[in-house]
Structures are given as C-alpha cells and as structure tokens.
Amino acid sequence: MSTATLPQIVSYGHELDLSEDKFGQLRDSSDAAHDFEELRRRVAADGYLYMKGYLDRDQVLEARAALTERLAAAGVLDENYPAIDGIAKPDAGYVFKPEITNGCEAVQKLLYSGRLTDFYRNLFGEEIRHYDYTWLRAIGPGKGTNPHCDLPYMGRGTHQHMTCWMPYGDISYELGGLMVLEGSHKRMDLLKNYVYRDVDGFCENKPEQAEKAKAGGWSFTGTLSHNPPAVRNKFGGRWLTTEFQAGDFLTFGMFLVHASLDNRTENRLRISSDSRYQRASEPIDERWIGVNPPAHGPNGKRGLIC
C-alpha cells in the first residue's frame, strides 16, 4: 500500500511524516509460518515478526468478550453500550489493569498454551518459559505510548526474551495500534547508554531517589523520547505499522524501539496485552514470576551506591 493513500498518522501527539523513506507497513511473516529457520533469520534482520492471522480469530474474540465483561465490572466501560463493543466512559484515558487477566481462562489459554506457546517453542528451538505477569492495556481516546525499548523494564534475566503484543479485536489506524522503528535494534551506538538502565534501580545514597523507590516510584521512567518523529530522524529507518485484526500478533526483542499510535476515535478502547516468553534454560527476571509478582512495586526495587 502506498503511504499516499493513508490517513494522517499521529503518535504521542505528533503527526508522522508519511514519506516513503520515513513510514511504511510491517512485513507480514505469515508466509513463513512453518519455516522457523526463516523466521529466526527475519527476527535477526528486522527485529520483529508480524504474524498476520496466525491465531484463531474466534478464540481471540472469545478472550475479548471475557476481558470486556471484566472491564465492565471494573467500571471502565460505558453502560449504554454492549460490553463487547469496548466503549469507554468519557475521559477514560489510559487504563492499565493487569489484574483483569488473573484467572481469566480464555486469556490464559490463548496466551500460555496451544498455538502461541508452540510458536515460541519452535522459534527458540527448545522448551520455553513465560512471565507470570500479563500487561493488559485498554487505551481510550488520546495519546498512546511513547517510544521505548522493553529491556529497561525487564532486564535482570536473559536479554534474549521476546514480547508478544496481542490485539483483542480489529485495530484501525484511527484506533491506533503498535508501531516499530525499522532497524533500531541494530543501533547500539545510540541505545547503549539507555537500554541497559533498570527502571527499578535507584541510588541508595540519594535520599530523593530512595524515597521514591520506597513508595514504588521511578527515578528513571524507561522512556526514550516523547517525540516519535525526532527519534526516527535520529535513528534513521521508518516507523512501521499496519491495521491489525483479531488473530494477528506482533513479536519483537528487547532492543527494538517501538511506540503506539494515538487513539483518535471518539469513545472506543484499544484493548491489547503484552506477554513475554524466553528459553527455559536462561535466567528469568524475578520481578515477573510467581503468584503475585513483585513487578515494579517496592519489592522490585534494587538499591545502588551511585
């Protein structure tokens, strides 16, 4: 598709330059769905895999129904519409509710068994382990997520684990899905002073940082920038995205710069999750395992002498 036919794309309040050297479509790797040697080559080259229609659409929509029922019970949705429509209450903004997935059988089955875990087992070439924490996001109208890499949030174990971004429903450009910055995983000259920092690390000898950590706060948020066009101008490459459908997923490594488009609808939530997978033989970040993982709370902090 030519970028000339696209609507204006906005990310974190910034209109993106849709010139063909600055913006493009994600590469669909579903053509190599059963060739994991080729998929591993594409991960190394591109930093991501977009698997269009790889999962059963009905199973994903079943998970959506379970999630929207729970979001309705949590008071997030407008009661004047069917819950499955995902219509936000006015000024819903950014809803981060990982607890919604706890005990949600349809979501647990989709993410942590069957076709998806078989995919990662074949991709890694050995037995896998997944994080016990699921990042569920229901993004209302407004700004999406700013550019970042995932490693600063989960880098205490292996650095070879992968994120799976899952849309629970069809996501148009207007509703605003995920986008990745082409080739950014290879730009360690620009990433090295950023990507190895730990958002839960703090200076014990700096009282202000220690006080923030005690309350579960951050001295470093993990954000790379609030300006997606400026990031692209610095790194080169193109911002890549698409219009997603239920049954698609996007997976990528810890060093790939990514962000999301803004939700420019009037009242719809963009519902998605992030889950993480790695080789079982490699060390795992203790913040994300167990019945009630420490996550970024006070028990996940790590003091340093700076």
Protein backbone atom coordinates (compact mmCIF):
# COMPACT_ATOMS: atom_id res chain seq x y z
CA MET A 1 0.00 0.00 0.00
CA SER A 2 1.30 3.43 -0.90
CA THR A 3 1.67 5.79 2.04
CA ALA A 4 -0.06 8.42 -0.10
CA THR A 5 -3.39 6.65 0.47
CA LEU A 6 -3.13 6.60 4.26
CA PRO A 7 -4.89 8.93 6.68
CA GLN A 8 -2.75 11.19 8.84
CA ILE A 9 -0.93 9.05 11.41
CA VAL A 10 -0.41 10.52 14.88
CA SER A 11 1.76 9.17 17.70
CA TYR A 12 2.09 10.79 21.12
CA GLY A 13 0.53 13.96 19.77
CA HIS A 14 2.92 14.23 16.81
CA GLU A 15 1.90 13.86 13.18
CA LEU A 16 4.22 11.41 11.48
CA ASP A 17 5.90 12.17 8.17
CA LEU A 18 4.38 9.62 5.78
CA SER A 19 7.08 9.96 3.14
CA GLU A 20 8.03 6.50 1.90
CA ASP A 21 11.52 6.79 3.39
CA LYS A 22 10.12 7.60 6.84
CA PHE A 23 7.00 5.46 7.18
CA GLY A 24 5.89 2.04 5.97
CA GLN A 25 3.99 -1.19 6.53
CA LEU A 26 5.05 -4.03 8.79
CA ARG A 27 6.44 -7.04 6.94
CA ASP A 28 3.92 -9.89 7.15
CA SER A 29 5.78 -13.09 8.07
CA SER A 30 2.77 -15.41 7.97
CA ASP A 31 4.10 -16.68 4.62
CA ALA A 32 6.88 -18.40 6.59
CA ALA A 33 4.65 -19.57 9.44
CA HIS A 34 6.06 -23.12 9.38
CA ASP A 35 9.66 -22.27 8.48
CA PHE A 36 11.20 -21.38 11.80
CA GLU A 37 14.72 -21.18 10.41
CA GLU A 38 13.50 -18.42 8.11
CA LEU A 39 11.59 -16.75 10.96
CA ARG A 40 14.76 -16.68 13.05
CA ARG A 41 16.56 -15.01 10.13
CA ARG A 42 13.81 -12.40 9.92
CA VAL A 43 13.96 -11.68 13.67
CA ALA A 44 17.71 -11.08 13.35
CA ALA A 45 17.26 -8.86 10.30
CA ASP A 46 14.07 -6.98 11.20
CA GLY A 47 13.92 -7.20 14.99
CA TYR A 48 10.27 -8.32 14.86
CA LEU A 49 7.79 -10.77 13.35
CA TYR A 50 4.29 -9.72 12.35
CA MET A 51 2.20 -12.89 12.19
CA LYS A 52 -0.98 -11.93 10.38
CA GLY A 53 -3.92 -14.26 11.04
CA TYR A 54 -1.71 -16.82 12.79
CA LEU A 55 -4.12 -17.36 15.69
CA ASP A 56 -7.74 -18.45 15.62
CA ARG A 57 -9.85 -15.32 15.31
CA ASP A 58 -12.78 -16.79 17.22
CA GLN A 59 -10.52 -17.72 20.14
CA VAL A 60 -9.14 -14.17 20.28
CA LEU A 61 -12.66 -12.70 20.18
CA GLU A 62 -13.70 -15.11 22.96
CA ALA A 63 -10.84 -13.67 25.04
CA ARG A 64 -12.02 -10.16 24.16
CA ALA A 65 -15.53 -10.98 25.40
CA ALA A 66 -14.11 -12.22 28.71
CA LEU A 67 -11.96 -9.12 29.07
CA THR A 68 -14.69 -6.64 28.24
CA GLU A 69 -17.01 -8.30 30.76
CA ARG A 70 -14.34 -7.77 33.40
CA LEU A 71 -13.66 -4.22 32.28
CA ALA A 72 -17.39 -3.51 32.54
CA ALA A 73 -17.45 -4.94 36.07
CA ALA A 74 -14.49 -2.68 36.93
CA GLY A 75 -16.49 0.38 35.83
CA VAL A 76 -14.30 1.19 32.84
CA LEU A 77 -16.95 0.86 30.10
CA ASP A 78 -19.95 2.99 29.18
CA GLU A 79 -23.02 1.07 30.40
CA ASN A 80 -25.10 2.44 27.49
CA TYR A 81 -23.35 0.09 25.03
CA PRO A 82 -22.78 -3.69 24.90
CA ALA A 83 -19.59 -4.54 26.80
CA ILE A 84 -18.13 -6.37 23.79
CA ASP A 85 -18.03 -3.05 21.88
CA GLY A 86 -15.41 -1.70 24.32
CA ILE A 87 -16.89 1.78 24.50
CA ALA A 88 -15.05 3.87 27.08
CA LYS A 89 -16.60 6.06 29.70
CA PRO A 90 -15.90 9.72 28.96
CA ASP A 91 -12.30 10.69 29.77
CA ALA A 92 -11.32 7.04 30.31
CA GLY A 93 -7.77 7.77 29.16
CA TYR A 94 -5.11 5.12 29.76
CA VAL A 95 -6.40 2.05 31.62
CA PHE A 96 -3.67 -0.36 32.79
CA LYS A 97 -5.29 -3.33 34.50
CA PRO A 98 -3.03 -6.40 34.53
CA GLU A 99 -5.16 -7.94 37.30
CA ILE A 100 -8.04 -8.29 34.83
CA THR A 101 -6.23 -11.25 33.24
CA ASN A 102 -5.73 -13.13 36.52
CA GLY A 103 -7.92 -16.21 36.48
CA CYS A 104 -9.35 -15.25 33.09
CA GLU A 105 -9.40 -18.68 31.50
CA ALA A 106 -9.93 -17.51 27.90
CA VAL A 107 -6.92 -15.17 28.05
CA GLN A 108 -4.67 -17.62 29.90
CA LYS A 109 -5.48 -20.34 27.37
CA LEU A 110 -4.83 -18.02 24.41
CA LEU A 111 -1.52 -16.64 25.67
CA TYR A 112 0.01 -19.51 27.60
CA SER A 113 -0.94 -22.71 25.80
CA GLY A 114 -1.61 -24.13 22.37
CA ARG A 115 -0.63 -22.43 19.13
CA LEU A 116 1.10 -19.39 20.64
CA THR A 117 3.39 -21.26 23.06
CA ASP A 118 4.10 -23.84 20.33
CA PHE A 119 5.20 -20.92 18.14
CA TYR A 120 7.74 -19.68 20.70
CA ARG A 121 8.93 -23.20 21.49
CA ASN A 122 9.73 -23.69 17.81
CA LEU A 123 11.17 -20.21 17.40
CA PHE A 124 13.55 -20.59 20.35
CA GLY A 125 14.27 -24.20 19.42
CA GLU A 126 13.82 -25.53 22.95
CA GLU A 127 11.47 -25.57 25.91
CA ILE A 128 10.21 -22.15 26.93
CA ARG A 129 9.07 -20.27 29.99
CA HIS A 130 6.73 -17.30 30.07
CA TYR A 131 6.37 -14.48 32.58
CA ASP A 132 3.54 -14.97 35.08
CA TYR A 133 2.52 -11.33 34.67
CA THR A 134 0.36 -10.14 31.76
CA TRP A 135 0.34 -6.48 30.79
CA LEU A 136 -3.26 -5.64 29.82
CA ARG A 137 -3.96 -2.21 28.38
CA ALA A 138 -7.25 -0.59 27.43
CA ILE A 139 -6.34 2.70 25.78
CA GLY A 140 -9.07 5.33 25.49
CA PRO A 141 -9.07 8.33 23.14
CA GLY A 142 -5.88 10.33 23.44
CA LYS A 143 -2.15 9.75 23.41
CA GLY A 144 -0.69 6.30 23.06
CA THR A 145 2.65 5.00 24.32
CA ASN A 146 5.84 6.95 23.72
CA PRO A 147 8.99 5.45 22.14
CA HIS A 148 10.92 2.99 24.28
CA CYS A 149 12.63 -0.40 24.38
CA ASP A 150 11.44 -3.14 26.73
CA LEU A 151 14.77 -4.10 28.31
CA PRO A 152 14.88 -1.32 30.95
CA TYR A 153 11.68 -2.80 32.43
CA MET A 154 12.71 -6.47 32.43
CA GLY A 155 16.45 -6.86 32.03
CA ARG A 156 17.54 -8.76 35.15
CA GLY A 157 17.42 -12.16 33.50
CA THR A 158 18.16 -13.10 29.90
CA HIS A 159 18.21 -10.36 27.30
CA GLN A 160 17.00 -12.76 24.61
CA HIS A 161 13.34 -12.94 25.65
CA MET A 162 10.56 -11.64 23.41
CA THR A 163 7.41 -9.58 23.77
CA CYS A 164 4.14 -10.67 22.21
CA TRP A 165 1.78 -7.77 21.51
CA MET A 166 -1.75 -9.09 21.09
CA PRO A 167 -4.71 -7.02 19.83
CA TYR A 168 -8.10 -8.19 21.14
CA GLY A 169 -10.11 -7.08 18.14
CA ASP A 170 -9.57 -5.22 14.87
CA ILE A 171 -7.46 -2.09 15.22
CA SER A 172 -7.63 0.59 12.55
CA TYR A 173 -5.13 3.42 12.13
CA GLU A 174 -7.64 5.63 13.91
CA LEU A 175 -7.89 3.30 16.90
CA GLY A 176 -4.12 3.17 16.96
CA GLY A 177 -2.01 0.02 17.11
CA LEU A 178 1.65 -0.61 17.80
CA MET A 179 4.47 0.65 15.56
CA VAL A 180 8.15 -0.30 15.48
CA LEU A 181 11.18 1.64 14.29
CA GLU A 182 12.85 -0.18 11.43
CA GLY A 183 16.41 -1.32 12.15
CA SER A 184 16.53 0.33 15.57
CA HIS A 185 17.60 -2.91 17.31
CA LYS A 186 20.92 -2.63 15.47
CA ARG A 187 21.65 0.93 16.63
CA MET A 188 23.56 0.11 19.80
CA ASP A 189 25.66 3.21 19.20
CA LEU A 190 22.53 5.18 20.12
CA LEU A 191 20.96 2.72 22.57
CA LYS A 192 23.82 1.58 24.81
CA ASN A 193 23.56 4.45 27.33
CA TYR A 194 19.79 3.99 27.56
CA VAL A 195 18.78 0.40 27.10
CA TYR A 196 20.77 -1.24 29.92
CA ARG A 197 19.39 1.04 32.63
CA ASP A 198 16.97 -0.54 35.09
CA VAL A 199 13.81 1.46 35.83
CA ASP A 200 13.71 -0.10 39.30
CA GLY A 201 17.30 0.73 40.13
CA PHE A 202 17.90 3.69 42.45
CA CYS A 203 20.75 5.40 44.27
CA GLU A 204 20.57 4.48 47.97
CA ASN A 205 22.85 7.40 48.79
CA LYS A 206 20.47 9.89 47.15
CA PRO A 207 17.58 10.45 49.61
CA GLU A 208 15.14 11.70 46.98
CA GLN A 209 15.58 8.57 44.84
CA ALA A 210 15.43 6.28 47.87
CA GLU A 211 12.17 7.87 48.99
CA LYS A 212 10.63 7.42 45.54
CA ALA A 213 11.69 3.78 45.45
CA LYS A 214 10.20 3.11 48.87
CA ALA A 215 6.84 4.26 47.51
CA GLY A 216 7.23 2.16 44.34
CA GLY A 217 8.18 5.11 42.13
CA TRP A 218 10.85 5.57 39.49
CA SER A 219 13.77 7.95 39.12
CA PHE A 220 14.13 6.75 35.50
CA THR A 221 10.88 6.01 33.63
CA GLY A 222 12.35 4.00 30.75
CA THR A 223 11.08 6.48 28.17
CA LEU A 224 13.40 7.05 25.23
CA SER A 225 11.62 10.15 23.94
CA HIS A 226 8.27 11.93 23.83
CA ASN A 227 8.77 12.79 20.16
CA PRO A 228 8.44 9.89 17.66
CA PRO A 229 9.43 11.96 14.58
CA ALA A 230 12.60 13.16 16.32
CA VAL A 231 13.51 9.56 17.24
CA ARG A 232 13.14 8.49 13.62
CA ASN A 233 15.25 11.42 12.44
CA LYS A 234 17.99 10.39 14.87
CA PHE A 235 17.92 6.62 14.28
CA GLY A 236 17.01 6.54 10.61
CA GLY A 237 14.76 3.83 9.22
CA ARG A 238 10.98 4.06 9.05
CA TRP A 239 8.17 3.83 11.55
CA LEU A 240 6.30 0.64 10.59
CA THR A 241 2.74 -0.29 11.49
CA THR A 242 -0.47 -1.62 9.95
CA GLU A 243 -4.17 -2.08 10.62
CA PHE A 244 -4.38 -5.15 12.82
CA GLN A 245 -7.09 -7.80 13.03
CA ALA A 246 -8.09 -10.26 15.72
CA GLY A 247 -5.85 -13.29 15.15
CA ASP A 248 -2.73 -11.23 14.40
CA PHE A 249 0.17 -10.79 16.78
CA LEU A 250 3.43 -8.86 16.70
CA THR A 251 6.52 -10.18 18.48
CA PHE A 252 9.89 -8.50 18.95
CA GLY A 253 13.02 -8.45 21.05
CA MET A 254 14.18 -6.26 23.90
CA PHE A 255 16.25 -3.85 21.82
CA LEU A 256 13.66 -2.78 19.25
CA VAL A 257 12.36 0.78 19.63
CA HIS A 258 8.57 0.84 19.48
CA ALA A 259 5.63 3.06 20.37
CA SER A 260 1.92 3.23 19.59
CA LEU A 261 -0.36 5.40 17.54
CA ASP A 262 -2.78 7.68 19.33
CA ASN A 263 -6.38 6.61 19.73
CA ARG A 264 -8.24 9.16 17.64
CA THR A 265 -11.68 7.59 17.93
CA GLU A 266 -14.49 9.31 19.77
CA ASN A 267 -15.06 6.74 22.51
CA ARG A 268 -13.55 3.32 21.75
CA LEU A 269 -10.96 1.48 23.80
CA ARG A 270 -7.99 -0.16 22.11
CA ILE A 271 -7.60 -3.40 24.06
CA SER A 272 -4.30 -5.25 23.87
CA SER A 273 -1.87 -7.21 26.00
CA ASP A 274 1.85 -7.78 26.26
CA SER A 275 3.14 -11.18 27.30
CA ARG A 276 6.76 -12.34 27.45
CA TYR A 277 8.49 -15.61 26.52
CA GLN A 278 12.03 -16.95 26.81
CA ARG A 279 14.12 -20.10 26.77
CA ALA A 280 13.53 -22.10 29.95
CA SER A 281 17.29 -22.69 30.18
CA GLU A 282 18.08 -18.99 30.59
CA PRO A 283 17.80 -16.84 33.74
CA ILE A 284 14.49 -15.05 34.30
CA ASP A 285 13.74 -11.64 35.82
CA GLU A 286 12.39 -12.27 39.32
CA ARG A 287 10.05 -9.29 39.16
CA TRP A 288 7.69 -11.11 36.80
CA ILE A 289 7.34 -14.61 38.21
CA GLY A 290 5.23 -16.15 40.95
CA VAL A 291 1.60 -16.00 42.02
CA ASN A 292 1.86 -12.31 42.89
CA PRO A 293 4.97 -10.98 41.11
CA PRO A 294 6.80 -8.00 42.70
CA ALA A 295 6.58 -6.15 39.35
CA HIS A 296 7.70 -2.50 39.66
CA GLY A 297 6.49 -2.19 43.26
CA PRO A 298 8.69 -1.58 46.32
CA ASN A 299 9.81 -5.23 46.45
CA GLY A 300 11.10 -4.99 42.89
CA LYS A 301 13.49 -2.12 43.59
CA ARG A 302 17.26 -2.53 43.64
CA GLY A 303 19.44 -0.10 45.53
CA LEU A 304 22.85 1.01 44.25
CA ILE A 305 25.59 3.28 45.51
CA CYS A 306 25.95 5.94 42.81
